[in-house]
Amino acid sequence: MTTLVGDRATRESFSVTFERNVPTPMRDGTVLYADVYRPQGTERHPVLLQRTPYDKKLSAAIGLMGDPLRFAGAGYVVVVQDTRGRCASEGDFSLFTDEIEDGYDTVEWCAQQPWSDGKIGMFGVSYVGTTQWLAATAAPPHLVTILPALSPSSSHDGWTYRGGAFELGFNLSLTLLYLALDSASRAVAAGTVPRERIAELVAAIDDLPGSFGRLPPRDQPALAQVANYYFDWLDHPDDDEYWSRSKLEDSYDRVGVPALQIGGWYDIFVGGTIRNFDGMRTHGATGDARIGQKLV
């Protein structure tokens, strides 16, 4: 536990306590780990939660919407969690698959902690926006708002496929550059893939144009047993049952919280961001959710 100085520019400033790798148990016994930044003392505070597959240690450094120390210095508890199967957390990683239940369980875990006043908000960019939306579809009682930025409306159309075409450049670069190396390191440690797989992945990353040029698209040997979801995506080109649980467009009537949504005209998810805003304004689960949608 490390004590740090809070943000002195705020109206009321707090010294900040930082706790690394706090265990957050899920309903199936899997333990996810979070870093917790909180104002010192015994008071209860509102909680800002971020669930990320991109390594919680890098949350502020890679631009995922703000400095946790500054927020904690302003009187919020900030919880930044590695999602299932990522970095410090236990379990097997597969994009979209476990975010509904894990998101619900994490929100409610936050609400039960002695530093929490029971009001939980979520925030973050891109896939970290998706973790918010999917948690919100489960209606955790203590979730009061979300702030998803640059976030899609479907894991199929607009993320994995666009107009029926596989988004090779986006999906392969995302998997190679941000996800596969950590998964491979865990698989090597578990003895399920050979140690040489790390070198194969590094070579595939160093030669991205060559990786993009491999045909058929599933000919990515460096990803075998490391990113099974990538091959699942290729096996499901149609908007079938495989995608249904992570298709927010079909679930607006299950989301009952207001949202501040942020998009960009040149962002790849701008279509989904606008659909989310419009869909929630029309079909949100509560009046507060419908009138409480804001779009920047």
C-alpha atoms as a PDB file:
ATOM      1  CA  MET A   1       0.000   0.000   0.000  1.00  0.00           C
ATOM      2  CA  THR A   2       1.431   3.354  -1.058  1.00  0.00           C
ATOM      3  CA  THR A   3       0.304   6.812   0.037  1.00  0.00           C
ATOM      4  CA  LEU A   4       0.286   9.495  -2.640  1.00  0.00           C
ATOM      5  CA  VAL A   5      -0.650  13.164  -2.786  1.00  0.00           C
ATOM      6  CA  GLY A   6      -4.010  14.037  -4.348  1.00  0.00           C
ATOM      7  CA  ASP A   7      -4.986  16.706  -6.861  1.00  0.00           C
ATOM      8  CA  ARG A   8      -4.506  20.121  -5.222  1.00  0.00           C
ATOM      9  CA  ALA A   9      -6.311  21.955  -8.028  1.00  0.00           C
ATOM     10  CA  THR A  10      -9.733  20.651  -6.966  1.00  0.00           C
ATOM     11  CA  ARG A  11     -12.123  22.457  -4.638  1.00  0.00           C
ATOM     12  CA  GLU A  12     -11.551  19.774  -2.011  1.00  0.00           C
ATOM     13  CA  SER A  13      -8.378  17.715  -2.162  1.00  0.00           C
ATOM     14  CA  PHE A  14      -7.585  14.331  -0.675  1.00  0.00           C
ATOM     15  CA  SER A  15      -4.434  12.392  -0.088  1.00  0.00           C
ATOM     16  CA  VAL A  16      -4.680   9.118  -1.994  1.00  0.00           C
ATOM     17  CA  THR A  17      -4.095   5.515  -0.982  1.00  0.00           C
ATOM     18  CA  PHE A  18      -3.196   3.077  -3.744  1.00  0.00           C
ATOM     19  CA  GLU A  19      -3.709  -0.689  -3.483  1.00  0.00           C
ATOM     20  CA  ARG A  20      -2.422  -2.966  -6.240  1.00  0.00           C
ATOM     21  CA  ASN A  21      -3.975  -6.278  -7.296  1.00  0.00           C
ATOM     22  CA  VAL A  22      -6.993  -6.270  -5.016  1.00  0.00           C
ATOM     23  CA  PRO A  23      -8.867  -9.567  -5.549  1.00  0.00           C
ATOM     24  CA  THR A  24     -12.406  -9.293  -6.912  1.00  0.00           C
ATOM     25  CA  PRO A  25     -14.100 -12.726  -6.928  1.00  0.00           C
ATOM     26  CA  MET A  26     -16.611 -13.612  -9.634  1.00  0.00           C
ATOM     27  CA  ARG A  27     -19.653 -15.849  -9.235  1.00  0.00           C
ATOM     28  CA  ASP A  28     -17.889 -18.890 -10.718  1.00  0.00           C
ATOM     29  CA  GLY A  29     -14.918 -18.609  -8.359  1.00  0.00           C
ATOM     30  CA  THR A  30     -12.568 -16.945 -10.852  1.00  0.00           C
ATOM     31  CA  VAL A  31     -10.650 -14.090  -9.209  1.00  0.00           C
ATOM     32  CA  LEU A  32     -10.048 -10.903 -11.163  1.00  0.00           C
ATOM     33  CA  TYR A  33      -7.616  -8.294  -9.887  1.00  0.00           C
ATOM     34  CA  ALA A  34      -7.994  -4.542  -9.680  1.00  0.00           C
ATOM     35  CA  ASP A  35      -5.911  -1.548  -8.696  1.00  0.00           C
ATOM     36  CA  VAL A  36      -7.779   0.721  -6.287  1.00  0.00           C
ATOM     37  CA  TYR A  37      -7.061   4.434  -5.898  1.00  0.00           C
ATOM     38  CA  ARG A  38      -9.024   5.974  -3.022  1.00  0.00           C
ATOM     39  CA  PRO A  39      -9.100   9.019  -0.817  1.00  0.00           C
ATOM     40  CA  GLN A  40      -7.490   8.399   2.543  1.00  0.00           C
ATOM     41  CA  GLY A  41      -9.692   8.083   5.584  1.00  0.00           C
ATOM     42  CA  THR A  42     -12.803   6.162   6.541  1.00  0.00           C
ATOM     43  CA  GLU A  43     -15.382   8.119   4.564  1.00  0.00           C
ATOM     44  CA  ARG A  44     -17.391   6.468   1.819  1.00  0.00           C
ATOM     45  CA  HIS A  45     -17.077   7.833  -1.717  1.00  0.00           C
ATOM     46  CA  PRO A  46     -18.641   7.289  -5.147  1.00  0.00           C
ATOM     47  CA  VAL A  47     -16.750   4.795  -7.291  1.00  0.00           C
ATOM     48  CA  LEU A  48     -15.470   5.127 -10.863  1.00  0.00           C
ATOM     49  CA  LEU A  49     -14.917   1.678 -12.365  1.00  0.00           C
ATOM     50  CA  GLN A  50     -12.939   0.766 -15.452  1.00  0.00           C
ATOM     51  CA  ARG A  51     -12.679  -2.822 -16.719  1.00  0.00           C
ATOM     52  CA  THR A  52      -9.940  -3.173 -19.323  1.00  0.00           C
ATOM     53  CA  PRO A  53      -8.229  -5.950 -21.299  1.00  0.00           C
ATOM     54  CA  TYR A  54      -5.339  -3.597 -22.077  1.00  0.00           C
ATOM     55  CA  ASP A  55      -3.474  -3.881 -18.742  1.00  0.00           C
ATOM     56  CA  LYS A  56      -4.706  -1.874 -15.780  1.00  0.00           C
ATOM     57  CA  LYS A  57      -1.165  -0.670 -15.044  1.00  0.00           C
ATOM     58  CA  LEU A  58      -1.261   1.294 -18.304  1.00  0.00           C
ATOM     59  CA  SER A  59      -4.774   2.675 -17.917  1.00  0.00           C
ATOM     60  CA  ALA A  60      -3.832   6.338 -17.733  1.00  0.00           C
ATOM     61  CA  ALA A  61      -0.705   6.062 -19.858  1.00  0.00           C
ATOM     62  CA  ILE A  62      -2.489   4.787 -22.982  1.00  0.00           C
ATOM     63  CA  GLY A  63      -5.213   7.419 -22.874  1.00  0.00           C
ATOM     64  CA  LEU A  64      -8.170   5.554 -21.435  1.00  0.00           C
ATOM     65  CA  MET A  65      -9.849   8.720 -20.202  1.00  0.00           C
ATOM     66  CA  GLY A  66      -8.088  10.271 -17.297  1.00  0.00           C
ATOM     67  CA  ASP A  67      -5.653   9.949 -14.452  1.00  0.00           C
ATOM     68  CA  PRO A  68      -6.933   7.759 -11.581  1.00  0.00           C
ATOM     69  CA  LEU A  69      -4.791   9.699  -9.101  1.00  0.00           C
ATOM     70  CA  ARG A  70      -6.473  12.944 -10.074  1.00  0.00           C
ATOM     71  CA  PHE A  71      -9.949  11.458  -9.757  1.00  0.00           C
ATOM     72  CA  ALA A  72      -9.113   9.951  -6.371  1.00  0.00           C
ATOM     73  CA  GLY A  73      -7.641  13.245  -5.249  1.00  0.00           C
ATOM     74  CA  ALA A  74     -10.969  14.869  -6.131  1.00  0.00           C
ATOM     75  CA  GLY A  75     -12.925  12.501  -3.890  1.00  0.00           C
ATOM     76  CA  TYR A  76     -13.700   9.425  -5.992  1.00  0.00           C
ATOM     77  CA  VAL A  77     -12.581   5.855  -5.510  1.00  0.00           C
ATOM     78  CA  VAL A  78     -11.177   4.614  -8.827  1.00  0.00           C
ATOM     79  CA  VAL A  79     -11.157   0.864  -9.492  1.00  0.00           C
ATOM     80  CA  VAL A  80      -9.255  -0.291 -12.596  1.00  0.00           C
ATOM     81  CA  GLN A  81      -9.624  -4.018 -13.201  1.00  0.00           C
ATOM     82  CA  ASP A  82      -7.968  -6.430 -15.612  1.00  0.00           C
ATOM     83  CA  THR A  83     -10.774  -8.325 -17.338  1.00  0.00           C
ATOM     84  CA  ARG A  84     -10.977 -12.102 -17.208  1.00  0.00           C
ATOM     85  CA  GLY A  85      -7.876 -13.839 -18.535  1.00  0.00           C
ATOM     86  CA  ARG A  86      -5.909 -10.634 -18.948  1.00  0.00           C
ATOM     87  CA  CYS A  87      -2.675  -9.579 -17.243  1.00  0.00           C
ATOM     88  CA  ALA A  88      -3.126 -10.080 -13.473  1.00  0.00           C
ATOM     89  CA  SER A  89      -6.592 -11.677 -13.611  1.00  0.00           C
ATOM     90  CA  GLU A  90      -7.421 -15.365 -13.609  1.00  0.00           C
ATOM     91  CA  GLY A  91      -9.439 -17.215 -16.219  1.00  0.00           C
ATOM     92  CA  ASP A  92      -9.516 -17.598 -19.980  1.00  0.00           C
ATOM     93  CA  PHE A  93      -9.801 -14.520 -22.187  1.00  0.00           C
ATOM     94  CA  SER A  94     -12.258 -14.258 -25.032  1.00  0.00           C
ATOM     95  CA  LEU A  95     -13.491 -10.888 -26.243  1.00  0.00           C
ATOM     96  CA  PHE A  96     -17.116 -10.106 -25.303  1.00  0.00           C
ATOM     97  CA  THR A  97     -17.839 -13.543 -23.812  1.00  0.00           C
ATOM     98  CA  ASP A  98     -17.818 -12.914 -20.037  1.00  0.00           C
ATOM     99  CA  GLU A  99     -18.339  -9.170 -19.778  1.00  0.00           C
ATOM    100  CA  ILE A 100     -22.021  -9.252 -18.784  1.00  0.00           C
ATOM    101  CA  GLU A 101     -21.664 -11.428 -15.688  1.00  0.00           C
ATOM    102  CA  ASP A 102     -18.180 -10.216 -14.749  1.00  0.00           C
ATOM    103  CA  GLY A 103     -19.279  -6.606 -15.143  1.00  0.00           C
ATOM    104  CA  TYR A 104     -22.319  -7.133 -12.935  1.00  0.00           C
ATOM    105  CA  ASP A 105     -20.281  -8.932 -10.267  1.00  0.00           C
ATOM    106  CA  THR A 106     -17.589  -6.259 -10.235  1.00  0.00           C
ATOM    107  CA  VAL A 107     -20.074  -3.384  -9.924  1.00  0.00           C
ATOM    108  CA  GLU A 108     -21.767  -5.085  -7.002  1.00  0.00           C
ATOM    109  CA  TRP A 109     -18.417  -5.974  -5.397  1.00  0.00           C
ATOM    110  CA  CYS A 110     -17.469  -2.290  -5.542  1.00  0.00           C
ATOM    111  CA  ALA A 111     -20.756  -1.331  -3.896  1.00  0.00           C
ATOM    112  CA  GLN A 112     -20.082  -3.645  -0.943  1.00  0.00           C
ATOM    113  CA  GLN A 113     -16.649  -2.269  -0.057  1.00  0.00           C
ATOM    114  CA  PRO A 114     -16.183  -0.118   3.061  1.00  0.00           C
ATOM    115  CA  TRP A 115     -14.868   2.807   0.987  1.00  0.00           C
ATOM    116  CA  SER A 116     -17.902   2.863  -1.322  1.00  0.00           C
ATOM    117  CA  ASP A 117     -21.064   4.930  -0.926  1.00  0.00           C
ATOM    118  CA  GLY A 118     -22.894   2.498  -3.202  1.00  0.00           C
ATOM    119  CA  LYS A 119     -22.944   4.699  -6.309  1.00  0.00           C
ATOM    120  CA  ILE A 120     -20.919   3.169  -9.125  1.00  0.00           C
ATOM    121  CA  GLY A 121     -20.133   4.786 -12.475  1.00  0.00           C
ATOM    122  CA  MET A 122     -18.128   3.241 -15.304  1.00  0.00           C
ATOM    123  CA  PHE A 123     -15.920   4.932 -17.893  1.00  0.00           C
ATOM    124  CA  GLY A 124     -13.499   4.181 -20.710  1.00  0.00           C
ATOM    125  CA  VAL A 125     -12.791   4.019 -24.436  1.00  0.00           C
ATOM    126  CA  SER A 126     -13.422   1.447 -27.209  1.00  0.00           C
ATOM    127  CA  TYR A 127     -13.618  -2.106 -25.817  1.00  0.00           C
ATOM    128  CA  VAL A 128     -13.636  -0.531 -22.353  1.00  0.00           C
ATOM    129  CA  GLY A 129     -16.850   1.158 -23.465  1.00  0.00           C
ATOM    130  CA  THR A 130     -18.213  -2.244 -24.470  1.00  0.00           C
ATOM    131  CA  THR A 131     -17.499  -3.624 -20.993  1.00  0.00           C
ATOM    132  CA  GLN A 132     -19.710  -0.826 -19.641  1.00  0.00           C
ATOM    133  CA  TRP A 133     -22.602  -1.429 -22.012  1.00  0.00           C
ATOM    134  CA  LEU A 134     -22.586  -5.186 -21.468  1.00  0.00           C
ATOM    135  CA  ALA A 135     -22.487  -4.770 -17.686  1.00  0.00           C
ATOM    136  CA  ALA A 136     -25.379  -2.300 -17.934  1.00  0.00           C
ATOM    137  CA  THR A 137     -27.531  -4.827 -19.827  1.00  0.00           C
ATOM    138  CA  ALA A 138     -27.487  -6.973 -16.667  1.00  0.00           C
ATOM    139  CA  ALA A 139     -28.863  -4.034 -14.623  1.00  0.00           C
ATOM    140  CA  PRO A 140     -26.591  -4.196 -11.563  1.00  0.00           C
ATOM    141  CA  PRO A 141     -28.535  -2.345  -8.838  1.00  0.00           C
ATOM    142  CA  HIS A 142     -25.687  -0.016  -7.854  1.00  0.00           C
ATOM    143  CA  LEU A 143     -24.674   1.128 -11.347  1.00  0.00           C
ATOM    144  CA  VAL A 144     -25.863   4.736 -11.719  1.00  0.00           C
ATOM    145  CA  THR A 145     -24.217   5.925 -14.955  1.00  0.00           C
ATOM    146  CA  ILE A 146     -21.733   5.043 -17.680  1.00  0.00           C
ATOM    147  CA  LEU A 147     -19.376   7.033 -19.896  1.00  0.00           C
ATOM    148  CA  PRO A 148     -18.548   4.953 -22.990  1.00  0.00           C
ATOM    149  CA  ALA A 149     -16.341   6.642 -25.581  1.00  0.00           C
ATOM    150  CA  LEU A 150     -15.661   5.505 -29.162  1.00  0.00           C
ATOM    151  CA  SER A 151     -17.730   2.397 -28.552  1.00  0.00           C
ATOM    152  CA  PRO A 152     -19.623   0.162 -31.021  1.00  0.00           C
ATOM    153  CA  SER A 153     -23.227  -1.009 -30.940  1.00  0.00           C
ATOM    154  CA  SER A 154     -22.513  -4.593 -31.992  1.00  0.00           C
ATOM    155  CA  SER A 155     -19.600  -6.991 -31.772  1.00  0.00           C
ATOM    156  CA  HIS A 156     -20.488  -8.218 -35.263  1.00  0.00           C
ATOM    157  CA  ASP A 157     -21.344  -5.399 -37.665  1.00  0.00           C
ATOM    158  CA  GLY A 158     -19.020  -2.448 -37.175  1.00  0.00           C
ATOM    159  CA  TRP A 159     -16.421  -4.302 -35.107  1.00  0.00           C
ATOM    160  CA  THR A 160     -15.628  -7.712 -36.554  1.00  0.00           C
ATOM    161  CA  TYR A 161     -17.409  -7.345 -39.871  1.00  0.00           C
ATOM    162  CA  ARG A 162     -18.512  -4.323 -41.871  1.00  0.00           C
ATOM    163  CA  GLY A 163     -21.103  -4.720 -44.601  1.00  0.00           C
ATOM    164  CA  GLY A 164     -20.398  -8.459 -44.580  1.00  0.00           C
ATOM    165  CA  ALA A 165     -16.618  -8.136 -44.999  1.00  0.00           C
ATOM    166  CA  PHE A 166     -14.224  -9.280 -42.282  1.00  0.00           C
ATOM    167  CA  GLU A 167     -12.363  -6.288 -40.792  1.00  0.00           C
ATOM    168  CA  LEU A 168      -8.956  -7.897 -41.290  1.00  0.00           C
ATOM    169  CA  GLY A 169      -6.789  -4.863 -40.651  1.00  0.00           C
ATOM    170  CA  PHE A 170      -8.531  -3.904 -37.427  1.00  0.00           C
ATOM    171  CA  ASN A 171      -9.067  -7.380 -35.996  1.00  0.00           C
ATOM    172  CA  LEU A 172      -5.653  -8.794 -36.781  1.00  0.00           C
ATOM    173  CA  SER A 173      -3.715  -5.739 -35.654  1.00  0.00           C
ATOM    174  CA  LEU A 174      -5.791  -5.497 -32.443  1.00  0.00           C
ATOM    175  CA  THR A 175      -5.178  -9.153 -31.673  1.00  0.00           C
ATOM    176  CA  LEU A 176      -1.476  -9.149 -32.493  1.00  0.00           C
ATOM    177  CA  LEU A 177      -0.504  -5.770 -31.048  1.00  0.00           C
ATOM    178  CA  TYR A 178      -2.620  -5.616 -27.895  1.00  0.00           C
ATOM    179  CA  LEU A 179      -3.861  -9.045 -26.895  1.00  0.00           C
ATOM    180  CA  ALA A 180      -1.933 -12.054 -28.137  1.00  0.00           C
ATOM    181  CA  LEU A 181       1.434 -11.629 -26.417  1.00  0.00           C
ATOM    182  CA  ASP A 182      -0.023 -11.636 -22.914  1.00  0.00           C
ATOM    183  CA  SER A 183      -2.195 -14.641 -23.794  1.00  0.00           C
ATOM    184  CA  ALA A 184       0.805 -16.443 -25.268  1.00  0.00           C
ATOM    185  CA  SER A 185       2.912 -15.773 -22.183  1.00  0.00           C
ATOM    186  CA  ARG A 186       0.184 -17.288 -20.001  1.00  0.00           C
ATOM    187  CA  ALA A 187      -0.146 -20.279 -22.338  1.00  0.00           C
ATOM    188  CA  VAL A 188       3.615 -20.869 -22.301  1.00  0.00           C
ATOM    189  CA  ALA A 189       3.606 -20.737 -18.496  1.00  0.00           C
ATOM    190  CA  ALA A 190       0.739 -23.244 -18.457  1.00  0.00           C
ATOM    191  CA  GLY A 191       2.579 -25.505 -20.903  1.00  0.00           C
ATOM    192  CA  THR A 192      -0.199 -25.441 -23.532  1.00  0.00           C
ATOM    193  CA  VAL A 193       1.895 -23.851 -26.301  1.00  0.00           C
ATOM    194  CA  PRO A 194       5.632 -24.060 -26.999  1.00  0.00           C
ATOM    195  CA  ARG A 195       7.907 -21.243 -25.896  1.00  0.00           C
ATOM    196  CA  GLU A 196       8.719 -20.573 -29.563  1.00  0.00           C
ATOM    197  CA  ARG A 197       5.221 -19.145 -29.968  1.00  0.00           C
ATOM    198  CA  ILE A 198       6.407 -15.875 -28.420  1.00  0.00           C
ATOM    199  CA  ALA A 199       9.036 -15.454 -31.142  1.00  0.00           C
ATOM    200  CA  GLU A 200       6.471 -16.346 -33.818  1.00  0.00           C
ATOM    201  CA  LEU A 201       4.140 -13.639 -32.530  1.00  0.00           C
ATOM    202  CA  VAL A 202       6.905 -11.051 -32.404  1.00  0.00           C
ATOM    203  CA  ALA A 203       7.803 -11.896 -35.998  1.00  0.00           C
ATOM    204  CA  ALA A 204       4.157 -11.580 -37.063  1.00  0.00           C
ATOM    205  CA  ILE A 205       3.938  -8.184 -35.347  1.00  0.00           C
ATOM    206  CA  ASP A 206       7.193  -6.957 -36.866  1.00  0.00           C
ATOM    207  CA  ASP A 207       5.889  -7.893 -40.324  1.00  0.00           C
ATOM    208  CA  LEU A 208       2.275  -6.724 -40.115  1.00  0.00           C
ATOM    209  CA  PRO A 209       1.961  -6.249 -43.917  1.00  0.00           C
ATOM    210  CA  GLY A 210       3.050  -9.854 -44.364  1.00  0.00           C
ATOM    211  CA  SER A 211       0.588 -10.994 -41.702  1.00  0.00           C
ATOM    212  CA  PHE A 212      -2.220  -9.114 -43.440  1.00  0.00           C
ATOM    213  CA  GLY A 213      -1.297 -10.734 -46.740  1.00  0.00           C
ATOM    214  CA  ARG A 214      -1.637 -14.348 -45.593  1.00  0.00           C
ATOM    215  CA  LEU A 215      -4.451 -16.267 -47.317  1.00  0.00           C
ATOM    216  CA  PRO A 216      -6.852 -17.603 -46.384  1.00  0.00           C
ATOM    217  CA  PRO A 217      -7.380 -15.081 -43.528  1.00  0.00           C
ATOM    218  CA  ARG A 218      -7.387 -17.840 -40.914  1.00  0.00           C
ATOM    219  CA  ASP A 219      -3.811 -18.794 -41.878  1.00  0.00           C
ATOM    220  CA  GLN A 220      -2.336 -17.169 -38.775  1.00  0.00           C
ATOM    221  CA  PRO A 221      -0.307 -19.935 -37.102  1.00  0.00           C
ATOM    222  CA  ALA A 222       1.092 -17.570 -34.464  1.00  0.00           C
ATOM    223  CA  LEU A 223      -2.437 -17.172 -33.054  1.00  0.00           C
ATOM    224  CA  ALA A 224      -3.211 -20.892 -32.777  1.00  0.00           C
ATOM    225  CA  GLN A 225      -4.266 -21.812 -29.197  1.00  0.00           C
ATOM    226  CA  VAL A 226      -3.524 -18.223 -28.203  1.00  0.00           C
ATOM    227  CA  ALA A 227      -6.470 -16.289 -29.662  1.00  0.00           C
ATOM    228  CA  ASN A 228      -9.184 -18.846 -30.385  1.00  0.00           C
ATOM    229  CA  TYR A 229     -11.780 -16.076 -30.569  1.00  0.00           C
ATOM    230  CA  TYR A 230     -10.107 -14.760 -33.744  1.00  0.00           C
ATOM    231  CA  PHE A 231     -10.840 -18.036 -35.517  1.00  0.00           C
ATOM    232  CA  ASP A 232     -14.354 -18.150 -34.028  1.00  0.00           C
ATOM    233  CA  TRP A 233     -15.017 -14.763 -35.630  1.00  0.00           C
ATOM    234  CA  LEU A 234     -14.016 -16.120 -39.024  1.00  0.00           C
ATOM    235  CA  ASP A 235     -16.275 -19.140 -38.465  1.00  0.00           C
ATOM    236  CA  HIS A 236     -19.280 -16.851 -37.911  1.00  0.00           C
ATOM    237  CA  PRO A 237     -19.459 -14.367 -40.801  1.00  0.00           C
ATOM    238  CA  ASP A 238     -23.239 -14.028 -40.452  1.00  0.00           C
ATOM    239  CA  ASP A 239     -25.009 -12.185 -37.644  1.00  0.00           C
ATOM    240  CA  ASP A 240     -26.059 -15.443 -35.993  1.00  0.00           C
ATOM    241  CA  GLU A 241     -26.639 -16.678 -32.455  1.00  0.00           C
ATOM    242  CA  TYR A 242     -22.902 -16.547 -31.727  1.00  0.00           C
ATOM    243  CA  TRP A 243     -23.071 -12.736 -31.615  1.00  0.00           C
ATOM    244  CA  SER A 244     -26.408 -12.298 -29.878  1.00  0.00           C
ATOM    245  CA  ARG A 245     -25.262 -11.823 -26.267  1.00  0.00           C
ATOM    246  CA  SER A 246     -22.840  -9.064 -27.201  1.00  0.00           C
ATOM    247  CA  LYS A 247     -25.132  -7.237 -29.607  1.00  0.00           C
ATOM    248  CA  LEU A 248     -26.081  -4.103 -27.718  1.00  0.00           C
ATOM    249  CA  GLU A 249     -28.505  -3.023 -30.447  1.00  0.00           C
ATOM    250  CA  ASP A 250     -30.896  -5.755 -29.300  1.00  0.00           C
ATOM    251  CA  SER A 251     -30.587  -4.870 -25.605  1.00  0.00           C
ATOM    252  CA  TYR A 252     -31.314  -1.160 -25.187  1.00  0.00           C
ATOM    253  CA  ASP A 253     -34.516  -2.028 -23.320  1.00  0.00           C
ATOM    254  CA  ARG A 254     -32.388  -3.748 -20.654  1.00  0.00           C
ATOM    255  CA  VAL A 255     -30.204  -0.694 -19.926  1.00  0.00           C
ATOM    256  CA  GLY A 256     -31.667   1.584 -17.269  1.00  0.00           C
ATOM    257  CA  VAL A 257     -28.918   4.132 -16.640  1.00  0.00           C
ATOM    258  CA  PRO A 258     -28.075   7.492 -18.235  1.00  0.00           C
ATOM    259  CA  ALA A 259     -24.928   7.673 -20.342  1.00  0.00           C
ATOM    260  CA  LEU A 260     -22.555  10.339 -21.562  1.00  0.00           C
ATOM    261  CA  GLN A 261     -21.462   8.973 -24.933  1.00  0.00           C
ATOM    262  CA  ILE A 262     -18.433  10.336 -26.772  1.00  0.00           C
ATOM    263  CA  GLY A 263     -17.741   9.680 -30.450  1.00  0.00           C
ATOM    264  CA  GLY A 264     -15.685  11.046 -33.315  1.00  0.00           C
ATOM    265  CA  TRP A 265     -16.597  11.670 -36.925  1.00  0.00           C
ATOM    266  CA  TYR A 266     -13.503   9.790 -38.098  1.00  0.00           C
ATOM    267  CA  ASP A 267     -13.651   7.032 -35.494  1.00  0.00           C
ATOM    268  CA  ILE A 268     -14.313   3.530 -36.835  1.00  0.00           C
ATOM    269  CA  PHE A 269     -17.186   3.140 -34.358  1.00  0.00           C
ATOM    270  CA  VAL A 270     -18.995   6.402 -35.104  1.00  0.00           C
ATOM    271  CA  GLY A 271     -21.960   4.568 -36.632  1.00  0.00           C
ATOM    272  CA  GLY A 272     -22.369   2.417 -33.555  1.00  0.00           C
ATOM    273  CA  THR A 273     -21.981   5.381 -31.213  1.00  0.00           C
ATOM    274  CA  ILE A 274     -24.815   7.231 -32.947  1.00  0.00           C
ATOM    275  CA  ARG A 275     -26.986   4.089 -33.008  1.00  0.00           C
ATOM    276  CA  ASN A 276     -26.399   3.659 -29.275  1.00  0.00           C
ATOM    277  CA  PHE A 277     -27.449   7.233 -28.569  1.00  0.00           C
ATOM    278  CA  ASP A 278     -30.538   7.028 -30.738  1.00  0.00           C
ATOM    279  CA  GLY A 279     -31.437   3.524 -29.551  1.00  0.00           C
ATOM    280  CA  MET A 280     -31.168   4.442 -25.890  1.00  0.00           C
ATOM    281  CA  ARG A 281     -33.195   7.632 -26.364  1.00  0.00           C
ATOM    282  CA  THR A 282     -35.963   5.522 -27.892  1.00  0.00           C
ATOM    283  CA  HIS A 283     -35.774   2.154 -26.149  1.00  0.00           C
ATOM    284  CA  GLY A 284     -33.924   2.660 -22.840  1.00  0.00           C
ATOM    285  CA  ALA A 285     -35.358   0.662 -19.936  1.00  0.00           C
ATOM    286  CA  THR A 286     -36.369   3.698 -17.860  1.00  0.00           C
ATOM    287  CA  GLY A 287     -37.438   7.275 -18.402  1.00  0.00           C
ATOM    288  CA  ASP A 288     -34.255   8.452 -16.698  1.00  0.00           C
ATOM    289  CA  ALA A 289     -32.201   6.345 -19.113  1.00  0.00           C
ATOM    290  CA  ARG A 290     -34.052   7.643 -22.166  1.00  0.00           C
ATOM    291  CA  ILE A 291     -33.836  11.344 -21.321  1.00  0.00           C
ATOM    292  CA  GLY A 292     -30.403  10.973 -19.702  1.00  0.00           C
ATOM    293  CA  GLN A 293     -28.490  10.151 -22.877  1.00  0.00           C
ATOM    294  CA  LYS A 294     -25.925  12.778 -23.899  1.00  0.00           C
ATOM    295  CA  LEU A 295     -23.738  12.638 -26.978  1.00  0.00           C
ATOM    296  CA  VAL A 296     -20.504  14.525 -27.593  1.00  0.00           C
END
